[in-house]
Amino acid sequence: MVCLGNICRSPLAQGILEQKVRSKGLDWEVDSAGTGRYHVGHGPDQRSIDKAMEYGINISNQRARQIEVEDLDRFDLILTMDTSNYQNVMSLAKDKSQEDKIKLILNYVYPERNMVVPDPYYDGGFQKVYDLLDEAMDGLINVTTVSA
């Protein structure tokens, strides 16, 4: 899961997916990162922590980190929140196989529409972001487990 600072959207996405994976007994490793270095080492934004807790998800132990080139080898799928982060992660890809791993997260809900998860950092909207990510994680699990 990748957003800009790794304190609002991607920590929520990580927490939501981890909860869903656990409840379905899937053996998936889930992580998140940011394309920027602004908050490296910091915990998630308190508003993201609070929103996740409303749904019984504790993301307070997560720590922001910047995405690394090695992540494109380590993970099977890199889900980005918006087109800017998508382009930044694509610029790290060494080859087509890595490029093929990078997706816009909302394409699991709205295929090929390339919609973005809005950044709630400045204007709030954490409920909308949570709802979008929750739906996207359901779509991801459905597509992935059906095709497996």
N, C-alpha and C. Protein backbone atom coordinates (compact mmCIF):
# COMPACT_ATOMS: atom_id res chain seq x y z
N MET A 1 0.85 -1.16 0.00
CA MET A 1 0.00 0.00 0.00
C MET A 1 0.90 1.23 0.00
N VAL A 2 0.70 2.13 -0.94
CA VAL A 2 1.59 3.28 -1.05
C VAL A 2 0.79 4.57 -1.24
N CYS A 3 1.08 5.54 -0.38
CA CYS A 3 0.57 6.90 -0.54
C CYS A 3 1.76 7.85 -0.45
N LEU A 4 1.52 9.10 -0.19
CA LEU A 4 2.61 10.07 -0.18
C LEU A 4 3.45 9.99 1.10
N GLY A 5 2.83 10.20 2.24
CA GLY A 5 3.59 10.27 3.49
C GLY A 5 3.54 9.02 4.36
N ASN A 6 2.68 8.07 4.00
CA ASN A 6 2.52 6.83 4.76
C ASN A 6 2.03 7.09 6.18
N ILE A 7 1.11 8.07 6.30
CA ILE A 7 0.53 8.31 7.63
C ILE A 7 -1.00 8.35 7.62
N CYS A 8 -1.63 8.47 6.46
CA CYS A 8 -3.09 8.55 6.41
C CYS A 8 -3.70 7.38 5.63
N ARG A 9 -3.56 7.40 4.32
CA ARG A 9 -4.25 6.42 3.47
C ARG A 9 -3.63 5.03 3.52
N SER A 10 -2.33 4.94 3.30
CA SER A 10 -1.73 3.59 3.23
C SER A 10 -1.75 2.85 4.57
N PRO A 11 -1.59 3.53 5.72
CA PRO A 11 -1.74 2.79 6.97
C PRO A 11 -3.16 2.25 7.16
N LEU A 12 -4.16 3.04 6.75
CA LEU A 12 -5.54 2.54 6.82
C LEU A 12 -5.72 1.33 5.91
N ALA A 13 -5.22 1.44 4.68
CA ALA A 13 -5.33 0.32 3.74
C ALA A 13 -4.64 -0.92 4.30
N GLN A 14 -3.46 -0.75 4.88
CA GLN A 14 -2.74 -1.88 5.46
C GLN A 14 -3.56 -2.51 6.58
N GLY A 15 -4.08 -1.69 7.48
CA GLY A 15 -4.85 -2.21 8.60
C GLY A 15 -6.12 -2.93 8.16
N ILE A 16 -6.83 -2.33 7.20
CA ILE A 16 -8.07 -2.94 6.69
C ILE A 16 -7.76 -4.29 6.05
N LEU A 17 -6.73 -4.33 5.20
CA LEU A 17 -6.41 -5.58 4.51
C LEU A 17 -5.91 -6.63 5.50
N GLU A 18 -5.09 -6.23 6.45
CA GLU A 18 -4.62 -7.20 7.45
C GLU A 18 -5.79 -7.83 8.19
N GLN A 19 -6.78 -7.03 8.56
CA GLN A 19 -7.95 -7.57 9.26
C GLN A 19 -8.72 -8.54 8.36
N LYS A 20 -8.92 -8.20 7.11
CA LYS A 20 -9.66 -9.06 6.19
C LYS A 20 -8.89 -10.35 5.91
N VAL A 21 -7.60 -10.24 5.74
CA VAL A 21 -6.76 -11.41 5.47
C VAL A 21 -6.82 -12.38 6.66
N ARG A 22 -6.71 -11.82 7.86
CA ARG A 22 -6.79 -12.64 9.08
C ARG A 22 -8.13 -13.35 9.17
N SER A 23 -9.22 -12.62 8.92
CA SER A 23 -10.55 -13.20 9.07
C SER A 23 -10.82 -14.29 8.04
N LYS A 24 -10.13 -14.24 6.90
CA LYS A 24 -10.31 -15.25 5.85
C LYS A 24 -9.25 -16.35 5.89
N GLY A 25 -8.33 -16.23 6.85
CA GLY A 25 -7.28 -17.25 6.99
C GLY A 25 -6.29 -17.27 5.84
N LEU A 26 -6.08 -16.14 5.21
CA LEU A 26 -5.12 -16.06 4.10
C LEU A 26 -3.72 -15.80 4.64
N ASP A 27 -2.74 -16.34 3.98
CA ASP A 27 -1.34 -16.18 4.39
C ASP A 27 -0.69 -15.12 3.52
N TRP A 28 -1.04 -13.86 3.76
CA TRP A 28 -0.52 -12.73 2.99
C TRP A 28 0.29 -11.83 3.89
N GLU A 29 1.38 -11.33 3.37
CA GLU A 29 2.14 -10.28 4.06
C GLU A 29 1.65 -8.94 3.52
N VAL A 30 1.29 -8.05 4.42
CA VAL A 30 0.77 -6.74 4.04
C VAL A 30 1.66 -5.67 4.68
N ASP A 31 2.00 -4.66 3.91
CA ASP A 31 2.85 -3.59 4.41
C ASP A 31 2.42 -2.30 3.73
N SER A 32 2.96 -1.19 4.19
CA SER A 32 2.67 0.09 3.55
C SER A 32 3.92 0.96 3.57
N ALA A 33 3.91 1.94 2.69
CA ALA A 33 5.05 2.85 2.57
C ALA A 33 4.56 4.13 1.91
N GLY A 34 5.42 5.12 1.91
CA GLY A 34 5.13 6.38 1.24
C GLY A 34 6.18 6.65 0.18
N THR A 35 5.82 7.48 -0.78
CA THR A 35 6.81 7.86 -1.79
C THR A 35 7.68 9.00 -1.27
N GLY A 36 7.19 9.74 -0.30
CA GLY A 36 7.95 10.84 0.29
C GLY A 36 8.59 10.43 1.61
N ARG A 37 9.55 11.23 2.05
CA ARG A 37 10.27 10.95 3.30
C ARG A 37 9.76 11.78 4.47
N TYR A 38 8.70 12.53 4.27
CA TYR A 38 8.24 13.52 5.23
C TYR A 38 8.04 13.00 6.65
N HIS A 39 7.54 11.79 6.79
CA HIS A 39 7.13 11.30 8.10
C HIS A 39 7.83 10.00 8.51
N VAL A 40 8.94 9.67 7.88
CA VAL A 40 9.63 8.41 8.15
C VAL A 40 9.85 8.26 9.66
N GLY A 41 9.44 7.10 10.17
CA GLY A 41 9.59 6.79 11.59
C GLY A 41 8.44 7.22 12.46
N HIS A 42 7.52 8.04 11.92
CA HIS A 42 6.37 8.51 12.69
C HIS A 42 5.23 7.51 12.61
N GLY A 43 4.37 7.56 13.59
CA GLY A 43 3.15 6.75 13.56
C GLY A 43 2.14 7.37 12.62
N PRO A 44 1.04 6.65 12.38
CA PRO A 44 -0.02 7.19 11.53
C PRO A 44 -0.63 8.45 12.13
N ASP A 45 -1.23 9.25 11.27
CA ASP A 45 -1.99 10.42 11.68
C ASP A 45 -3.06 9.96 12.69
N GLN A 46 -3.25 10.73 13.74
CA GLN A 46 -4.20 10.35 14.79
C GLN A 46 -5.61 10.16 14.23
N ARG A 47 -5.96 10.92 13.19
CA ARG A 47 -7.29 10.77 12.60
C ARG A 47 -7.44 9.43 11.89
N SER A 48 -6.37 8.91 11.31
CA SER A 48 -6.42 7.57 10.72
C SER A 48 -6.51 6.51 11.81
N ILE A 49 -5.73 6.70 12.88
CA ILE A 49 -5.79 5.77 14.01
C ILE A 49 -7.21 5.72 14.56
N ASP A 50 -7.81 6.89 14.78
CA ASP A 50 -9.17 6.95 15.34
C ASP A 50 -10.19 6.29 14.42
N LYS A 51 -10.08 6.56 13.12
CA LYS A 51 -11.03 5.98 12.16
C LYS A 51 -10.89 4.46 12.14
N ALA A 52 -9.68 3.96 12.12
CA ALA A 52 -9.47 2.51 12.13
C ALA A 52 -10.04 1.89 13.41
N MET A 53 -9.83 2.53 14.54
CA MET A 53 -10.31 2.00 15.82
C MET A 53 -11.84 1.92 15.85
N GLU A 54 -12.52 2.81 15.13
CA GLU A 54 -13.98 2.72 15.04
C GLU A 54 -14.43 1.37 14.49
N TYR A 55 -13.56 0.73 13.72
CA TYR A 55 -13.86 -0.56 13.10
C TYR A 55 -13.06 -1.71 13.73
N GLY A 56 -12.50 -1.44 14.91
CA GLY A 56 -11.78 -2.49 15.63
C GLY A 56 -10.42 -2.81 15.06
N ILE A 57 -9.83 -1.87 14.34
CA ILE A 57 -8.51 -2.07 13.72
C ILE A 57 -7.51 -1.16 14.41
N ASN A 58 -6.45 -1.73 14.94
CA ASN A 58 -5.42 -0.94 15.62
C ASN A 58 -4.23 -0.78 14.69
N ILE A 59 -4.02 0.44 14.21
CA ILE A 59 -2.87 0.72 13.32
C ILE A 59 -1.82 1.57 14.03
N SER A 60 -1.98 1.77 15.33
CA SER A 60 -1.11 2.70 16.06
C SER A 60 0.35 2.26 16.12
N ASN A 61 0.62 0.97 15.93
CA ASN A 61 2.01 0.49 15.99
C ASN A 61 2.75 0.60 14.66
N GLN A 62 2.05 0.95 13.60
CA GLN A 62 2.72 1.12 12.31
C GLN A 62 3.66 2.32 12.36
N ARG A 63 4.71 2.28 11.56
CA ARG A 63 5.64 3.39 11.45
C ARG A 63 5.87 3.70 9.97
N ALA A 64 5.84 4.98 9.66
CA ALA A 64 5.99 5.41 8.27
C ALA A 64 7.39 5.07 7.76
N ARG A 65 7.42 4.66 6.52
CA ARG A 65 8.69 4.41 5.84
C ARG A 65 8.54 4.80 4.39
N GLN A 66 9.66 4.99 3.73
CA GLN A 66 9.66 5.33 2.31
C GLN A 66 9.81 4.05 1.51
N ILE A 67 9.07 3.96 0.41
CA ILE A 67 9.18 2.78 -0.45
C ILE A 67 10.61 2.67 -0.98
N GLU A 68 11.07 1.46 -1.13
CA GLU A 68 12.42 1.19 -1.63
C GLU A 68 12.34 0.34 -2.89
N VAL A 69 13.36 0.42 -3.72
CA VAL A 69 13.41 -0.38 -4.94
C VAL A 69 13.23 -1.86 -4.61
N GLU A 70 13.78 -2.30 -3.50
CA GLU A 70 13.70 -3.71 -3.11
C GLU A 70 12.26 -4.17 -2.89
N ASP A 71 11.38 -3.24 -2.55
CA ASP A 71 9.97 -3.59 -2.35
C ASP A 71 9.35 -4.15 -3.62
N LEU A 72 9.83 -3.71 -4.77
CA LEU A 72 9.28 -4.19 -6.03
C LEU A 72 9.69 -5.63 -6.31
N ASP A 73 10.75 -6.11 -5.68
CA ASP A 73 11.11 -7.52 -5.73
C ASP A 73 10.40 -8.30 -4.62
N ARG A 74 10.31 -7.70 -3.46
CA ARG A 74 9.81 -8.38 -2.26
C ARG A 74 8.31 -8.68 -2.32
N PHE A 75 7.53 -7.78 -2.89
CA PHE A 75 6.07 -7.92 -2.88
C PHE A 75 5.52 -8.30 -4.24
N ASP A 76 4.42 -9.06 -4.23
CA ASP A 76 3.76 -9.49 -5.46
C ASP A 76 2.91 -8.39 -6.07
N LEU A 77 2.51 -7.44 -5.23
CA LEU A 77 1.59 -6.40 -5.66
C LEU A 77 1.89 -5.11 -4.91
N ILE A 78 1.93 -4.01 -5.63
CA ILE A 78 2.15 -2.69 -5.04
C ILE A 78 0.92 -1.85 -5.40
N LEU A 79 0.13 -1.49 -4.39
CA LEU A 79 -1.10 -0.75 -4.63
C LEU A 79 -0.92 0.71 -4.25
N THR A 80 -1.14 1.60 -5.20
CA THR A 80 -0.95 3.03 -4.98
C THR A 80 -2.29 3.73 -4.85
N MET A 81 -2.29 4.84 -4.10
CA MET A 81 -3.52 5.55 -3.80
C MET A 81 -3.93 6.55 -4.88
N ASP A 82 -2.97 7.06 -5.64
CA ASP A 82 -3.29 8.07 -6.64
C ASP A 82 -2.28 8.03 -7.78
N THR A 83 -2.56 8.82 -8.82
CA THR A 83 -1.72 8.77 -10.02
C THR A 83 -0.32 9.30 -9.79
N SER A 84 -0.16 10.28 -8.92
CA SER A 84 1.17 10.80 -8.62
C SER A 84 2.03 9.73 -7.97
N ASN A 85 1.48 9.05 -6.97
CA ASN A 85 2.24 7.98 -6.32
C ASN A 85 2.44 6.79 -7.26
N TYR A 86 1.48 6.52 -8.11
CA TYR A 86 1.62 5.47 -9.12
C TYR A 86 2.82 5.77 -10.01
N GLN A 87 2.90 6.99 -10.50
CA GLN A 87 4.01 7.37 -11.38
C GLN A 87 5.35 7.32 -10.64
N ASN A 88 5.35 7.76 -9.38
CA ASN A 88 6.60 7.72 -8.60
C ASN A 88 7.08 6.29 -8.37
N VAL A 89 6.16 5.39 -8.10
CA VAL A 89 6.55 3.99 -7.90
C VAL A 89 6.97 3.36 -9.23
N MET A 90 6.25 3.70 -10.31
CA MET A 90 6.63 3.16 -11.62
C MET A 90 8.06 3.57 -11.99
N SER A 91 8.47 4.74 -11.56
CA SER A 91 9.82 5.21 -11.89
C SER A 91 10.90 4.37 -11.19
N LEU A 92 10.51 3.61 -10.17
CA LEU A 92 11.46 2.73 -9.48
C LEU A 92 11.61 1.37 -10.18
N ALA A 93 10.64 1.02 -11.00
CA ALA A 93 10.62 -0.31 -11.63
C ALA A 93 11.79 -0.49 -12.58
N LYS A 94 12.42 -1.67 -12.49
CA LYS A 94 13.57 -2.00 -13.33
C LYS A 94 13.16 -2.67 -14.63
N ASP A 95 11.97 -3.32 -14.63
CA ASP A 95 11.56 -4.08 -15.80
C ASP A 95 10.04 -4.23 -15.83
N LYS A 96 9.55 -4.86 -16.87
CA LYS A 96 8.11 -5.02 -17.07
C LYS A 96 7.47 -5.85 -15.96
N SER A 97 8.16 -6.85 -15.46
CA SER A 97 7.57 -7.68 -14.41
C SER A 97 7.31 -6.85 -13.15
N GLN A 98 8.20 -5.90 -12.84
CA GLN A 98 7.96 -5.02 -11.70
C GLN A 98 6.85 -4.02 -12.02
N GLU A 99 6.84 -3.49 -13.22
CA GLU A 99 5.78 -2.55 -13.61
C GLU A 99 4.41 -3.19 -13.49
N ASP A 100 4.32 -4.47 -13.86
CA ASP A 100 3.04 -5.18 -13.82
C ASP A 100 2.50 -5.37 -12.41
N LYS A 101 3.34 -5.24 -11.40
CA LYS A 101 2.93 -5.38 -10.00
C LYS A 101 2.27 -4.11 -9.47
N ILE A 102 2.48 -2.99 -10.13
CA ILE A 102 2.06 -1.68 -9.61
C ILE A 102 0.67 -1.34 -10.16
N LYS A 103 -0.27 -1.10 -9.25
CA LYS A 103 -1.66 -0.84 -9.62
C LYS A 103 -2.22 0.33 -8.82
N LEU A 104 -3.23 0.96 -9.37
CA LEU A 104 -4.03 1.92 -8.61
C LEU A 104 -5.05 1.12 -7.81
N ILE A 105 -5.12 1.37 -6.53
CA ILE A 105 -5.92 0.55 -5.63
C ILE A 105 -7.41 0.53 -5.98
N LEU A 106 -7.95 1.66 -6.42
CA LEU A 106 -9.39 1.70 -6.69
C LEU A 106 -9.79 0.99 -7.98
N ASN A 107 -8.82 0.55 -8.77
CA ASN A 107 -9.16 -0.25 -9.95
C ASN A 107 -9.75 -1.61 -9.55
N TYR A 108 -9.61 -1.99 -8.29
CA TYR A 108 -10.24 -3.22 -7.80
C TYR A 108 -11.73 -3.00 -7.54
N VAL A 109 -12.17 -1.75 -7.51
CA VAL A 109 -13.58 -1.43 -7.35
C VAL A 109 -14.15 -0.87 -8.66
N TYR A 110 -13.36 -0.03 -9.30
CA TYR A 110 -13.77 0.63 -10.54
C TYR A 110 -12.73 0.30 -11.61
N PRO A 111 -12.81 -0.91 -12.18
CA PRO A 111 -11.78 -1.36 -13.12
C PRO A 111 -11.52 -0.38 -14.26
N GLU A 112 -10.25 -0.14 -14.49
CA GLU A 112 -9.76 0.68 -15.61
C GLU A 112 -10.23 2.13 -15.58
N ARG A 113 -10.81 2.58 -14.47
CA ARG A 113 -11.25 3.98 -14.38
C ARG A 113 -10.14 4.86 -13.80
N ASN A 114 -9.13 4.25 -13.22
CA ASN A 114 -7.98 4.97 -12.66
C ASN A 114 -8.39 6.07 -11.68
N MET A 115 -9.35 5.76 -10.84
CA MET A 115 -9.80 6.71 -9.82
C MET A 115 -8.79 6.73 -8.68
N VAL A 116 -8.80 7.81 -7.92
CA VAL A 116 -7.82 7.97 -6.85
C VAL A 116 -8.50 8.03 -5.49
N VAL A 117 -7.77 7.61 -4.47
CA VAL A 117 -8.20 7.78 -3.09
C VAL A 117 -7.75 9.17 -2.68
N PRO A 118 -8.69 10.06 -2.34
CA PRO A 118 -8.30 11.43 -1.99
C PRO A 118 -7.47 11.46 -0.72
N ASP A 119 -6.54 12.39 -0.67
CA ASP A 119 -5.69 12.54 0.51
C ASP A 119 -6.46 13.35 1.56
N PRO A 120 -6.77 12.76 2.71
CA PRO A 120 -7.57 13.46 3.72
C PRO A 120 -6.73 14.33 4.66
N TYR A 121 -5.43 14.42 4.44
CA TYR A 121 -4.55 15.09 5.39
C TYR A 121 -4.99 16.52 5.70
N TYR A 122 -5.32 17.30 4.67
CA TYR A 122 -5.65 18.71 4.88
C TYR A 122 -7.14 18.98 5.05
N ASP A 123 -7.98 18.17 4.41
CA ASP A 123 -9.41 18.49 4.42
C ASP A 123 -10.28 17.45 5.12
N GLY A 124 -9.68 16.52 5.83
CA GLY A 124 -10.48 15.49 6.50
C GLY A 124 -10.96 14.47 5.49
N GLY A 125 -12.15 14.00 5.65
CA GLY A 125 -12.65 13.00 4.71
C GLY A 125 -12.17 11.60 5.05
N PHE A 126 -11.83 11.34 6.28
CA PHE A 126 -11.30 10.04 6.66
C PHE A 126 -12.34 8.93 6.53
N GLN A 127 -13.62 9.25 6.74
CA GLN A 127 -14.66 8.23 6.57
C GLN A 127 -14.77 7.82 5.10
N LYS A 128 -14.74 8.79 4.21
CA LYS A 128 -14.79 8.48 2.77
C LYS A 128 -13.60 7.62 2.37
N VAL A 129 -12.42 7.99 2.85
CA VAL A 129 -11.21 7.23 2.53
C VAL A 129 -11.33 5.81 3.08
N TYR A 130 -11.79 5.68 4.31
CA TYR A 130 -11.97 4.34 4.90
C TYR A 130 -12.93 3.51 4.04
N ASP A 131 -14.06 4.10 3.68
CA ASP A 131 -15.06 3.36 2.89
C ASP A 131 -14.50 2.92 1.54
N LEU A 132 -13.79 3.81 0.86
CA LEU A 132 -13.18 3.46 -0.43
C LEU A 132 -12.18 2.32 -0.28
N LEU A 133 -11.33 2.42 0.74
CA LEU A 133 -10.31 1.39 0.94
C LEU A 133 -10.92 0.07 1.37
N ASP A 134 -11.94 0.11 2.20
CA ASP A 134 -12.62 -1.11 2.62
C ASP A 134 -13.20 -1.84 1.42
N GLU A 135 -13.84 -1.10 0.55
CA GLU A 135 -14.42 -1.69 -0.67
C GLU A 135 -13.32 -2.22 -1.59
N ALA A 136 -12.23 -1.46 -1.72
CA ALA A 136 -11.12 -1.89 -2.58
C ALA A 136 -10.47 -3.17 -2.05
N MET A 137 -10.35 -3.29 -0.74
CA MET A 137 -9.74 -4.50 -0.17
C MET A 137 -10.64 -5.71 -0.39
N ASP A 138 -11.95 -5.52 -0.31
CA ASP A 138 -12.87 -6.62 -0.64
C ASP A 138 -12.69 -7.03 -2.10
N GLY A 139 -12.61 -6.03 -2.99
CA GLY A 139 -12.41 -6.32 -4.41
C GLY A 139 -11.11 -7.04 -4.67
N LEU A 140 -10.05 -6.61 -4.01
CA LEU A 140 -8.75 -7.25 -4.16
C LEU A 140 -8.82 -8.72 -3.73
N ILE A 141 -9.39 -8.96 -2.57
CA ILE A 141 -9.49 -10.34 -2.07
C ILE A 141 -10.34 -11.19 -3.00
N ASN A 142 -11.46 -10.65 -3.47
CA ASN A 142 -12.32 -11.42 -4.37
C ASN A 142 -11.62 -11.76 -5.67
N VAL A 143 -10.96 -10.80 -6.27
CA VAL A 143 -10.25 -11.03 -7.54
C VAL A 143 -9.10 -12.00 -7.33
N THR A 144 -8.35 -11.82 -6.26
CA THR A 144 -7.15 -12.63 -6.02
C THR A 144 -7.51 -14.06 -5.65
N THR A 145 -8.49 -14.25 -4.77
CA THR A 145 -8.81 -15.62 -4.34
C THR A 145 -9.59 -16.38 -5.38
N VAL A 146 -10.35 -15.70 -6.24
CA VAL A 146 -11.08 -16.37 -7.32
C VAL A 146 -10.11 -16.84 -8.39
N SER A 147 -9.09 -16.02 -8.68
CA SER A 147 -8.14 -16.38 -9.74
C SER A 147 -7.04 -17.32 -9.25
N ALA A 148 -6.97 -17.56 -7.94
CA ALA A 148 -5.92 -18.43 -7.40
C ALA A 148 -6.26 -19.89 -7.56
